[in-house]
PDB file of N, CA and C in Angstrom:
ATOM      1  N   MET A   1      78.955  30.820-273.622  1.00  0.00           N
ATOM      2  CA  MET A   1      78.649  29.378-272.791  1.00  0.00           C
ATOM      3  C   MET A   1      77.584  28.819-272.775  1.00  0.00           C
ATOM      4  N   GLN A   2      77.408  27.572-273.265  1.00  0.00           N
ATOM      5  CA  GLN A   2      76.077  26.697-273.552  1.00  0.00           C
ATOM      6  C   GLN A   2      75.319  26.409-272.711  1.00  0.00           C
ATOM      7  N   ASN A   3      73.857  26.412-272.356  1.00  0.00           N
ATOM      8  CA  ASN A   3      73.422  26.257-270.657  1.00  0.00           C
ATOM      9  C   ASN A   3      74.011  24.398-270.367  1.00  0.00           C
ATOM     10  N   GLN A   4      74.102  24.429-269.573  1.00  0.00           N
ATOM     11  CA  GLN A   4      74.275  23.103-269.026  1.00  0.00           C
ATOM     12  C   GLN A   4      73.083  22.155-268.087  1.00  0.00           C
ATOM     13  N   PRO A   5      72.643  21.352-268.115  1.00  0.00           N
ATOM     14  CA  PRO A   5      71.498  20.935-267.113  1.00  0.00           C
ATOM     15  C   PRO A   5      72.043  20.805-266.179  1.00  0.00           C
ATOM     16  N   PHE A   6      73.381  20.219-265.828  1.00  0.00           N
ATOM     17  CA  PHE A   6      73.756  20.579-263.964  1.00  0.00           C
ATOM     18  C   PHE A   6      74.859  20.486-264.408  1.00  0.00           C
ATOM     19  N   ILE A   7      76.220  21.259-263.303  1.00  0.00           N
ATOM     20  CA  ILE A   7      77.311  21.250-263.475  1.00  0.00           C
ATOM     21  C   ILE A   7      77.948  19.999-263.668  1.00  0.00           C
ATOM     22  N   THR A   8      79.205  19.780-264.599  1.00  0.00           N
ATOM     23  CA  THR A   8      79.901  18.645-265.488  1.00  0.00           C
ATOM     24  C   THR A   8      81.438  19.154-265.146  1.00  0.00           C
ATOM     25  N   ASN A   9      82.165  18.249-265.216  1.00  0.00           N
ATOM     26  CA  ASN A   9      84.136  18.299-265.437  1.00  0.00           C
ATOM     27  C   ASN A   9      84.025  18.833-264.262  1.00  0.00           C
ATOM     28  N   LEU A  10      83.600  18.575-263.115  1.00  0.00           N
ATOM     29  CA  LEU A  10      84.413  19.065-261.555  1.00  0.00           C
ATOM     30  C   LEU A  10      85.528  17.815-261.612  1.00  0.00           C
ATOM     31  N   GLN A  11      86.774  18.025-260.799  1.00  0.00           N
ATOM     32  CA  GLN A  11      87.557  17.687-260.534  1.00  0.00           C
ATOM     33  C   GLN A  11      87.616  17.290-259.666  1.00  0.00           C
ATOM     34  N   PRO A  12      87.742  16.027-258.605  1.00  0.00           N
ATOM     35  CA  PRO A  12      87.575  15.669-257.573  1.00  0.00           C
ATOM     36  C   PRO A  12      89.015  15.718-257.134  1.00  0.00           C
ATOM     37  N   PRO A  13      89.069  15.788-255.700  1.00  0.00           N
ATOM     38  CA  PRO A  13      88.355  16.071-254.499  1.00  0.00           C
ATOM     39  C   PRO A  13      87.602  17.319-254.572  1.00  0.00           C
ATOM     40  N   TYR A  14      86.499  17.553-254.240  1.00  0.00           N
ATOM     41  CA  TYR A  14      85.748  18.644-253.888  1.00  0.00           C
ATOM     42  C   TYR A  14      84.831  18.545-253.079  1.00  0.00           C
ATOM     43  N   TYR A  15      83.985  19.329-252.717  1.00  0.00           N
ATOM     44  CA  TYR A  15      82.993  19.224-251.672  1.00  0.00           C
ATOM     45  C   TYR A  15      81.840  19.860-251.986  1.00  0.00           C
ATOM     46  N   ALA A  16      80.532  18.769-251.858  1.00  0.00           N
ATOM     47  CA  ALA A  16      79.115  19.380-251.922  1.00  0.00           C
ATOM     48  C   ALA A  16      78.326  19.832-250.655  1.00  0.00           C
ATOM     49  N   VAL A  17      77.823  20.617-251.040  1.00  0.00           N
ATOM     50  CA  VAL A  17      76.814  21.185-249.761  1.00  0.00           C
ATOM     51  C   VAL A  17      75.408  20.965-250.403  1.00  0.00           C
ATOM     52  N   ILE A  18      74.887  19.917-249.671  1.00  0.00           N
ATOM     53  CA  ILE A  18      73.209  19.889-250.317  1.00  0.00           C
ATOM     54  C   ILE A  18      72.663  20.187-249.311  1.00  0.00           C
ATOM     55  N   PHE A  19      71.662  21.118-249.924  1.00  0.00           N
ATOM     56  CA  PHE A  19      70.201  21.563-249.098  1.00  0.00           C
ATOM     57  C   PHE A  19      68.948  21.407-249.557  1.00  0.00           C
ATOM     58  N   SER A  20      68.284  20.438-248.948  1.00  0.00           N
ATOM     59  CA  SER A  20      66.708  19.809-248.989  1.00  0.00           C
ATOM     60  C   SER A  20      65.786  20.482-248.136  1.00  0.00           C
ATOM     61  N   SER A  21      65.031  21.138-248.627  1.00  0.00           N
ATOM     62  CA  SER A  21      63.875  21.619-248.307  1.00  0.00           C
ATOM     63  C   SER A  21      62.640  21.335-248.712  1.00  0.00           C
ATOM     64  N   ILE A  22      61.769  22.030-247.846  1.00  0.00           N
ATOM     65  CA  ILE A  22      60.205  22.330-248.586  1.00  0.00           C
ATOM     66  C   ILE A  22      59.735  23.517-247.664  1.00  0.00           C
ATOM     67  N   ARG A  23      59.245  24.284-248.767  1.00  0.00           N
ATOM     68  CA  ARG A  23      59.030  25.666-248.229  1.00  0.00           C
ATOM     69  C   ARG A  23      57.599  25.916-247.716  1.00  0.00           C
ATOM     70  N   ASN A  24      57.322  27.203-246.789  1.00  0.00           N
ATOM     71  CA  ASN A  24      56.046  27.084-246.468  1.00  0.00           C
ATOM     72  C   ASN A  24      55.236  28.059-248.118  1.00  0.00           C
ATOM     73  N   ASP A  25      53.888  27.447-247.386  1.00  0.00           N
ATOM     74  CA  ASP A  25      52.966  28.118-248.931  1.00  0.00           C
ATOM     75  C   ASP A  25      52.722  30.018-248.726  1.00  0.00           C
ATOM     76  N   VAL A  26      53.845  30.905-248.897  1.00  0.00           N
ATOM     77  CA  VAL A  26      53.860  31.884-248.859  1.00  0.00           C
ATOM     78  C   VAL A  26      54.328  32.451-250.067  1.00  0.00           C
ATOM     79  N   ASP A  27      53.948  34.063-250.160  1.00  0.00           N
ATOM     80  CA  ASP A  27      54.281  34.925-251.147  1.00  0.00           C
ATOM     81  C   ASP A  27      56.000  34.475-251.377  1.00  0.00           C
ATOM     82  N   HIS A  28      56.219  33.880-252.378  1.00  0.00           N
ATOM     83  CA  HIS A  28      57.587  33.675-252.554  1.00  0.00           C
ATOM     84  C   HIS A  28      58.664  34.806-253.469  1.00  0.00           C
ATOM     85  N   SER A  29      57.955  35.887-253.953  1.00  0.00           N
ATOM     86  CA  SER A  29      58.768  37.248-254.487  1.00  0.00           C
ATOM     87  C   SER A  29      60.194  37.544-253.728  1.00  0.00           C
ATOM     88  N   ALA A  30      59.511  37.487-252.598  1.00  0.00           N
ATOM     89  CA  ALA A  30      61.341  38.066-251.131  1.00  0.00           C
ATOM     90  C   ALA A  30      61.888  37.045-251.802  1.00  0.00           C
ATOM     91  N   TYR A  31      61.319  35.642-251.857  1.00  0.00           N
ATOM     92  CA  TYR A  31      62.511  34.595-251.462  1.00  0.00           C
ATOM     93  C   TYR A  31      63.276  34.579-253.127  1.00  0.00           C
ATOM     94  N   ASP A  32      62.474  34.499-253.875  1.00  0.00           N
ATOM     95  CA  ASP A  32      62.800  34.680-255.362  1.00  0.00           C
ATOM     96  C   ASP A  32      64.175  35.817-255.598  1.00  0.00           C
ATOM     97  N   GLU A  33      63.656  36.754-254.896  1.00  0.00           N
ATOM     98  CA  GLU A  33      65.049  37.934-255.086  1.00  0.00           C
ATOM     99  C   GLU A  33      66.205  37.808-254.508  1.00  0.00           C
ATOM    100  N   MET A  34      66.106  37.079-253.111  1.00  0.00           N
ATOM    101  CA  MET A  34      67.099  36.577-252.094  1.00  0.00           C
ATOM    102  C   MET A  34      68.279  35.405-252.571  1.00  0.00           C
ATOM    103  N   ASN A  35      67.649  35.010-253.367  1.00  0.00           N
ATOM    104  CA  ASN A  35      67.814  33.763-254.097  1.00  0.00           C
ATOM    105  C   ASN A  35      68.947  34.176-255.318  1.00  0.00           C
ATOM    106  N   ASN A  36      68.061  34.783-255.594  1.00  0.00           N
ATOM    107  CA  ASN A  36      68.933  35.493-257.193  1.00  0.00           C
ATOM    108  C   ASN A  36      70.261  36.048-256.995  1.00  0.00           C
ATOM    109  N   ARG A  37      69.882  37.044-255.451  1.00  0.00           N
ATOM    110  CA  ARG A  37      71.270  37.623-255.089  1.00  0.00           C
ATOM    111  C   ARG A  37      71.929  36.835-255.000  1.00  0.00           C
ATOM    112  N   LEU A  38      71.711  35.595-253.964  1.00  0.00           N
ATOM    113  CA  LEU A  38      72.458  35.156-253.107  1.00  0.00           C
ATOM    114  C   LEU A  38      73.497  34.066-254.036  1.00  0.00           C
ATOM    115  N   MET A  39      72.689  33.824-255.383  1.00  0.00           N
ATOM    116  CA  MET A  39      73.221  32.864-256.715  1.00  0.00           C
ATOM    117  C   MET A  39      74.276  33.424-256.953  1.00  0.00           C
ATOM    118  N   ALA A  40      74.123  34.879-257.513  1.00  0.00           N
ATOM    119  CA  ALA A  40      74.974  36.096-257.916  1.00  0.00           C
ATOM    120  C   ALA A  40      76.248  36.171-257.281  1.00  0.00           C
ATOM    121  N   LEU A  41      75.935  36.292-255.761  1.00  0.00           N
ATOM    122  CA  LEU A  41      77.069  36.391-254.692  1.00  0.00           C
ATOM    123  C   LEU A  41      78.296  35.243-254.557  1.00  0.00           C
ATOM    124  N   ALA A  42      77.120  34.084-254.842  1.00  0.00           N
ATOM    125  CA  ALA A  42      78.318  32.867-254.681  1.00  0.00           C
ATOM    126  C   ALA A  42      79.085  32.476-255.961  1.00  0.00           C
ATOM    127  N   GLN A  43      78.999  32.914-257.034  1.00  0.00           N
ATOM    128  CA  GLN A  43      79.505  32.895-257.942  1.00  0.00           C
ATOM    129  C   GLN A  43      80.511  34.109-257.858  1.00  0.00           C
ATOM    130  N   LYS A  44      80.817  34.845-256.791  1.00  0.00           N
ATOM    131  CA  LYS A  44      81.581  35.396-256.645  1.00  0.00           C
ATOM    132  C   LYS A  44      82.781  35.076-255.672  1.00  0.00           C
ATOM    133  N   GLN A  45      82.605  34.396-254.871  1.00  0.00           N
ATOM    134  CA  GLN A  45      82.986  33.756-253.409  1.00  0.00           C
ATOM    135  C   GLN A  45      84.072  32.894-254.006  1.00  0.00           C
ATOM    136  N   PRO A  46      85.043  33.086-253.516  1.00  0.00           N
ATOM    137  CA  PRO A  46      86.446  32.047-253.816  1.00  0.00           C
ATOM    138  C   PRO A  46      85.831  30.684-253.537  1.00  0.00           C
ATOM    139  N   GLY A  47      86.310  30.324-254.096  1.00  0.00           N
ATOM    140  CA  GLY A  47      86.281  28.473-253.838  1.00  0.00           C
ATOM    141  C   GLY A  47      84.739  28.171-254.588  1.00  0.00           C
ATOM    142  N   PHE A  48      84.042  28.999-254.988  1.00  0.00           N
ATOM    143  CA  PHE A  48      83.105  28.429-255.324  1.00  0.00           C
ATOM    144  C   PHE A  48      83.526  27.650-256.860  1.00  0.00           C
ATOM    145  N   LEU A  49      82.466  26.416-257.147  1.00  0.00           N
ATOM    146  CA  LEU A  49      82.734  25.760-258.380  1.00  0.00           C
ATOM    147  C   LEU A  49      81.113  25.670-259.158  1.00  0.00           C
ATOM    148  N   GLY A  50      80.018  25.812-258.364  1.00  0.00           N
ATOM    149  CA  GLY A  50      78.909  25.823-259.135  1.00  0.00           C
ATOM    150  C   GLY A  50      77.566  25.287-258.226  1.00  0.00           C
ATOM    151  N   VAL A  51      76.779  24.763-258.763  1.00  0.00           N
ATOM    152  CA  VAL A  51      75.044  24.917-258.043  1.00  0.00           C
ATOM    153  C   VAL A  51      74.485  23.851-259.034  1.00  0.00           C
ATOM    154  N   ASP A  52      73.649  23.216-258.327  1.00  0.00           N
ATOM    155  CA  ASP A  52      72.647  22.379-259.610  1.00  0.00           C
ATOM    156  C   ASP A  52      71.402  22.333-258.235  1.00  0.00           C
ATOM    157  N   SER A  53      70.111  22.864-258.963  1.00  0.00           N
ATOM    158  CA  SER A  53      69.021  23.175-257.988  1.00  0.00           C
ATOM    159  C   SER A  53      68.024  22.613-258.704  1.00  0.00           C
ATOM    160  N   VAL A  54      67.189  21.762-257.917  1.00  0.00           N
ATOM    161  CA  VAL A  54      65.883  21.482-258.492  1.00  0.00           C
ATOM    162  C   VAL A  54      64.552  21.458-257.901  1.00  0.00           C
ATOM    163  N   ARG A  55      63.427  22.063-258.204  1.00  0.00           N
ATOM    164  CA  ARG A  55      62.008  22.277-256.859  1.00  0.00           C
ATOM    165  C   ARG A  55      61.199  21.598-257.651  1.00  0.00           C
ATOM    166  N   ASP A  56      60.931  21.057-257.095  1.00  0.00           N
ATOM    167  CA  ASP A  56      58.714  20.905-257.368  1.00  0.00           C
ATOM    168  C   ASP A  56      58.403  20.915-255.617  1.00  0.00           C
ATOM    169  N   LYS A  57      57.883  19.597-255.287  1.00  0.00           N
ATOM    170  CA  LYS A  57      57.472  19.650-253.509  1.00  0.00           C
ATOM    171  C   LYS A  57      58.547  20.220-252.155  1.00  0.00           C
ATOM    172  N   LEU A  58      59.605  19.187-252.576  1.00  0.00           N
ATOM    173  CA  LEU A  58      60.842  18.986-252.602  1.00  0.00           C
ATOM    174  C   LEU A  58      61.919  20.296-253.092  1.00  0.00           C
ATOM    175  N   GLY A  59      62.377  20.633-252.826  1.00  0.00           N
ATOM    176  CA  GLY A  59      63.626  21.522-253.326  1.00  0.00           C
ATOM    177  C   GLY A  59      65.106  20.589-252.903  1.00  0.00           C
ATOM    178  N   VAL A  60      65.768  20.886-253.974  1.00  0.00           N
ATOM    179  CA  VAL A  60      67.781  20.039-253.293  1.00  0.00           C
ATOM    180  C   VAL A  60      68.232  21.079-254.082  1.00  0.00           C
ATOM    181  N   THR A  61      69.217  21.871-253.657  1.00  0.00           N
ATOM    182  CA  THR A  61      70.256  22.605-254.003  1.00  0.00           C
ATOM    183  C   THR A  61      71.360  21.983-253.594  1.00  0.00           C
ATOM    184  N   VAL A  62      72.621  21.647-254.666  1.00  0.00           N
ATOM    185  CA  VAL A  62      73.666  21.374-254.469  1.00  0.00           C
ATOM    186  C   VAL A  62      74.586  22.050-254.562  1.00  0.00           C
ATOM    187  N   SER A  63      75.151  23.022-253.878  1.00  0.00           N
ATOM    188  CA  SER A  63      76.362  23.658-254.203  1.00  0.00           C
ATOM    189  C   SER A  63      77.916  22.536-254.043  1.00  0.00           C
ATOM    190  N   TYR A  64      78.994  23.318-255.263  1.00  0.00           N
ATOM    191  CA  TYR A  64      80.097  22.790-254.882  1.00  0.00           C
ATOM    192  C   TYR A  64      81.513  23.514-254.362  1.00  0.00           C
ATOM    193  N   TRP A  65      81.651  23.200-253.999  1.00  0.00           N
ATOM    194  CA  TRP A  65      83.310  23.885-253.178  1.00  0.00           C
ATOM    195  C   TRP A  65      84.816  23.675-253.430  1.00  0.00           C
ATOM    196  N   LYS A  66      85.689  24.136-253.259  1.00  0.00           N
ATOM    197  CA  LYS A  66      86.797  23.728-253.522  1.00  0.00           C
ATOM    198  C   LYS A  66      87.023  23.079-252.239  1.00  0.00           C
ATOM    199  N   SER A  67      86.743  23.668-251.067  1.00  0.00           N
ATOM    200  CA  SER A  67      87.595  23.653-249.861  1.00  0.00           C
ATOM    201  C   SER A  67      86.300  23.767-248.744  1.00  0.00           C
ATOM    202  N   LEU A  68      86.710  22.931-247.174  1.00  0.00           N
ATOM    203  CA  LEU A  68      85.742  23.142-246.075  1.00  0.00           C
ATOM    204  C   LEU A  68      86.152  24.838-245.903  1.00  0.00           C
ATOM    205  N   SER A  69      87.278  25.457-246.150  1.00  0.00           N
ATOM    206  CA  SER A  69      87.241  26.753-245.520  1.00  0.00           C
ATOM    207  C   SER A  69      86.684  27.743-246.595  1.00  0.00           C
ATOM    208  N   ALA A  70      86.525  27.186-247.650  1.00  0.00           N
ATOM    209  CA  ALA A  70      85.327  28.015-248.592  1.00  0.00           C
ATOM    210  C   ALA A  70      84.154  28.400-248.434  1.00  0.00           C
ATOM    211  N   ILE A  71      83.566  27.104-247.969  1.00  0.00           N
ATOM    212  CA  ILE A  71      82.187  26.781-247.258  1.00  0.00           C
ATOM    213  C   ILE A  71      82.249  27.849-246.107  1.00  0.00           C
ATOM    214  N   LYS A  72      82.884  27.276-245.356  1.00  0.00           N
ATOM    215  CA  LYS A  72      82.844  28.407-244.247  1.00  0.00           C
ATOM    216  C   LYS A  72      82.830  29.817-244.392  1.00  0.00           C
ATOM    217  N   GLU A  73      84.057  29.965-245.101  1.00  0.00           N
ATOM    218  CA  GLU A  73      83.566  31.396-245.632  1.00  0.00           C
ATOM    219  C   GLU A  73      82.325  31.587-245.930  1.00  0.00           C
ATOM    220  N   TRP A  74      81.762  31.449-247.216  1.00  0.00           N
ATOM    221  CA  TRP A  74      80.270  31.357-247.504  1.00  0.00           C
ATOM    222  C   TRP A  74      79.514  31.702-246.250  1.00  0.00           C
ATOM    223  N   GLN A  75      78.797  29.831-245.480  1.00  0.00           N
ATOM    224  CA  GLN A  75      78.270  30.213-244.634  1.00  0.00           C
ATOM    225  C   GLN A  75      78.517  31.475-243.496  1.00  0.00           C
ATOM    226  N   THR A  76      79.208  32.229-243.548  1.00  0.00           N
ATOM    227  CA  THR A  76      79.353  33.544-242.369  1.00  0.00           C
ATOM    228  C   THR A  76      79.281  34.889-243.593  1.00  0.00           C
ATOM    229  N   GLN A  77      79.154  34.957-244.526  1.00  0.00           N
ATOM    230  CA  GLN A  77      78.940  35.894-245.674  1.00  0.00           C
ATOM    231  C   GLN A  77      77.788  36.662-245.159  1.00  0.00           C
ATOM    232  N   SER A  78      77.742  37.869-245.303  1.00  0.00           N
ATOM    233  CA  SER A  78      76.574  38.516-244.234  1.00  0.00           C
ATOM    234  C   SER A  78      75.058  38.451-244.675  1.00  0.00           C
ATOM    235  N   ASP A  79      74.795  38.411-246.741  1.00  0.00           N
ATOM    236  CA  ASP A  79      74.017  38.012-246.872  1.00  0.00           C
ATOM    237  C   ASP A  79      73.375  36.960-246.914  1.00  0.00           C
ATOM    238  N   HIS A  80      74.292  35.854-246.623  1.00  0.00           N
ATOM    239  CA  HIS A  80      74.007  34.548-246.571  1.00  0.00           C
ATOM    240  C   HIS A  80      73.361  34.198-245.042  1.00  0.00           C
ATOM    241  N   LEU A  81      73.805  34.891-244.002  1.00  0.00           N
ATOM    242  CA  LEU A  81      73.627  34.957-242.979  1.00  0.00           C
ATOM    243  C   LEU A  81      71.995  35.399-242.550  1.00  0.00           C
ATOM    244  N   LEU A  82      72.097  36.465-243.684  1.00  0.00           N
ATOM    245  CA  LEU A  82      70.493  37.282-243.565  1.00  0.00           C
ATOM    246  C   LEU A  82      69.873  35.899-244.013  1.00  0.00           C
ATOM    247  N   ALA A  83      69.813  35.457-244.984  1.00  0.00           N
ATOM    248  CA  ALA A  83      68.856  34.602-246.017  1.00  0.00           C
ATOM    249  C   ALA A  83      68.646  33.562-245.375  1.00  0.00           C
ATOM    250  N   LYS A  84      69.782  33.192-243.853  1.00  0.00           N
ATOM    251  CA  LYS A  84      69.512  31.875-243.067  1.00  0.00           C
ATOM    252  C   LYS A  84      68.511  32.388-241.918  1.00  0.00           C
ATOM    253  N   ARG A  85      68.367  33.343-241.499  1.00  0.00           N
ATOM    254  CA  ARG A  85      67.646  34.138-240.623  1.00  0.00           C
ATOM    255  C   ARG A  85      65.978  33.858-241.337  1.00  0.00           C
ATOM    256  N   HIS A  86      66.325  34.333-242.232  1.00  0.00           N
ATOM    257  CA  HIS A  86      64.732  34.236-243.035  1.00  0.00           C
ATOM    258  C   HIS A  86      63.775  32.682-243.438  1.00  0.00           C
ATOM    259  N   ALA A  87      65.109  32.145-244.186  1.00  0.00           N
ATOM    260  CA  ALA A  87      65.003  30.465-244.176  1.00  0.00           C
ATOM    261  C   ALA A  87      63.989  29.698-242.580  1.00  0.00           C
ATOM    262  N   ARG A  88      64.402  30.350-241.594  1.00  0.00           N
ATOM    263  CA  ARG A  88      63.625  29.583-240.275  1.00  0.00           C
ATOM    264  C   ARG A  88      62.318  30.200-240.162  1.00  0.00           C
ATOM    265  N   THR A  89      62.384  31.729-240.306  1.00  0.00           N
ATOM    266  CA  THR A  89      61.363  32.272-239.928  1.00  0.00           C
ATOM    267  C   THR A  89      60.396  32.435-240.940  1.00  0.00           C
ATOM    268  N   ARG A  90      60.620  32.487-241.955  1.00  0.00           N
ATOM    269  CA  ARG A  90      59.431  33.001-243.207  1.00  0.00           C
ATOM    270  C   ARG A  90      59.469  32.168-244.527  1.00  0.00           C
ATOM    271  N   TRP A  91      60.773  31.363-244.649  1.00  0.00           N
ATOM    272  CA  TRP A  91      60.455  30.432-245.915  1.00  0.00           C
ATOM    273  C   TRP A  91      60.140  28.978-245.804  1.00  0.00           C
ATOM    274  N   TYR A  92      60.767  28.575-244.900  1.00  0.00           N
ATOM    275  CA  TYR A  92      60.574  26.913-244.678  1.00  0.00           C
ATOM    276  C   TYR A  92      59.918  26.428-244.068  1.00  0.00           C
ATOM    277  N   LYS A  93      58.959  24.678-244.345  1.00  0.00           N
ATOM    278  CA  LYS A  93      58.791  24.201-243.284  1.00  0.00           C
ATOM    279  C   LYS A  93      59.860  23.543-242.673  1.00  0.00           C
ATOM    280  N   THR A  94      60.774  22.877-243.308  1.00  0.00           N
ATOM    281  CA  THR A  94      61.868  22.319-243.055  1.00  0.00           C
ATOM    282  C   THR A  94      63.027  22.077-244.511  1.00  0.00           C
ATOM    283  N   TYR A  95      63.720  21.938-243.098  1.00  0.00           N
ATOM    284  CA  TYR A  95      64.902  21.885-244.558  1.00  0.00           C
ATOM    285  C   TYR A  95      66.180  20.793-243.701  1.00  0.00           C
ATOM    286  N   THR A  96      67.507  20.487-244.623  1.00  0.00           N
ATOM    287  CA  THR A  96      68.463  19.564-244.106  1.00  0.00           C
ATOM    288  C   THR A  96      69.423  19.973-244.751  1.00  0.00           C
ATOM    289  N   LEU A  97      70.438  20.094-244.020  1.00  0.00           N
ATOM    290  CA  LEU A  97      71.967  20.545-244.952  1.00  0.00           C
ATOM    291  C   LEU A  97      73.127  19.087-244.394  1.00  0.00           C
ATOM    292  N   ARG A  98      73.897  18.825-245.786  1.00  0.00           N
ATOM    293  CA  ARG A  98      74.646  18.092-245.680  1.00  0.00           C
ATOM    294  C   ARG A  98      76.213  18.373-246.138  1.00  0.00           C
ATOM    295  N   ILE A  99      77.056  18.374-245.569  1.00  0.00           N
ATOM    296  CA  ILE A  99      78.209  18.795-246.637  1.00  0.00           C
ATOM    297  C   ILE A  99      78.970  17.158-246.472  1.00  0.00           C
ATOM    298  N   ALA A 100      79.341  16.985-247.933  1.00  0.00           N
ATOM    299  CA  ALA A 100      80.326  15.965-248.298  1.00  0.00           C
ATOM    300  C   ALA A 100      81.578  15.738-249.265  1.00  0.00           C
ATOM    301  N   GLN A 101      82.193  15.302-248.867  1.00  0.00           N
ATOM    302  CA  GLN A 101      83.680  15.511-249.702  1.00  0.00           C
ATOM    303  C   GLN A 101      83.554  14.582-250.901  1.00  0.00           C
ATOM    304  N   VAL A 102      83.251  15.129-252.402  1.00  0.00           N
ATOM    305  CA  VAL A 102      83.339  13.642-253.321  1.00  0.00           C
ATOM    306  C   VAL A 102      84.851  13.564-253.602  1.00  0.00           C
ATOM    307  N   GLU A 103      84.638  12.225-253.980  1.00  0.00           N
ATOM    308  CA  GLU A 103      86.251  11.527-253.999  1.00  0.00           C
ATOM    309  C   GLU A 103      86.199  10.894-255.853  1.00  0.00           C
ATOM    310  N   GLN A 104      85.180  10.789-255.877  1.00  0.00           N
ATOM    311  CA  GLN A 104      85.012  10.393-257.268  1.00  0.00           C
ATOM    312  C   GLN A 104      83.762  11.115-258.099  1.00  0.00           C
ATOM    313  N   ALA A 105      83.717  11.301-259.679  1.00  0.00           N
ATOM    314  CA  ALA A 105      82.839  11.639-260.087  1.00  0.00           C
ATOM    315  C   ALA A 105      83.055  11.450-261.754  1.00  0.00           C
ATOM    316  N   ARG A 106      81.694  10.839-262.555  1.00  0.00           N
ATOM    317  CA  ARG A 106      81.370  10.568-263.573  1.00  0.00           C
ATOM    318  C   ARG A 106      80.726  11.524-264.043  1.00  0.00           C
ATOM    319  N   ASP A 107      81.152  11.689-265.856  1.00  0.00           N
ATOM    320  CA  ASP A 107      80.012  12.631-266.480  1.00  0.00           C
ATOM    321  C   ASP A 107      79.358  11.944-267.607  1.00  0.00           C
ATOM    322  N   PHE A 108      78.235  11.493-268.003  1.00  0.00           N
ATOM    323  CA  PHE A 108      77.448  10.698-269.058  1.00  0.00           C
ATOM    324  C   PHE A 108      76.773  12.220-269.760  1.00  0.00           C
ATOM    325  N   LEU A 109      77.236  12.885-271.102  1.00  0.00           N
ATOM    326  CA  LEU A 109      76.484  13.859-271.639  1.00  0.00           C
ATOM    327  C   LEU A 109      75.997  13.430-273.339  1.00  0.00           C
ATOM    328  N   GLU A 110      74.937  13.357-273.216  1.00  0.00           N
ATOM    329  CA  GLU A 110      74.273  12.891-274.509  1.00  0.00           C
ATOM    330  C   GLU A 110      75.172  13.427-275.909  1.00  0.00           C
ATOM    331  N   LYS A 111      75.875  12.782-276.586  1.00  0.00           N
ATOM    332  CA  LYS A 111      76.455  13.615-277.776  1.00  0.00           C
ATOM    333  C   LYS A 111      75.110  14.227-279.023  1.00  0.00           C
ATOM    334  N   GLN A 112      76.119  15.156-278.843  1.00  0.00           N
ATOM    335  CA  GLN A 112      75.484  16.277-279.906  1.00  0.00           C
ATOM    336  C   GLN A 112      75.661  15.389-281.760  1.00  0.00           C
ATOM    337  N   LEU A 113      73.908  15.932-282.200  1.00  0.00           N
ATOM    338  CA  LEU A 113      74.569  15.327-283.191  1.00  0.00           C
ATOM    339  C   LEU A 113      74.215  16.014-283.985  1.00  0.00           C
ATOM    340  N   PRO A 114      74.997  15.644-285.968  1.00  0.00           N
ATOM    341  CA  PRO A 114      75.037  16.764-286.306  1.00  0.00           C
ATOM    342  C   PRO A 114      74.017  17.420-287.350  1.00  0.00           C
TER     343      PRO A 114
END
């Protein structure tokens, strides 16, 4: 499978969970370890469609889900609950979470040259 710069070809309707954050200035090795574990678990979660994520000073992660019930299942997953506790006490200065239904989506991918 070729690496994509972001998730493409999702067929609406689906849901987007938009997590925007600013991290604390602490050692992020534990954060990175937890993030890697959560990404592996999310990929196995029923209803998970993919994720896009970027980080500079502001981080934005958008995960895509088939349904609101799939999102709710993920929100109550035990490792995810632990990560949310650490998010408030260790890793983030501030964050916001939004859930939106995607009704339309269009992709443009640069054509591959021969």
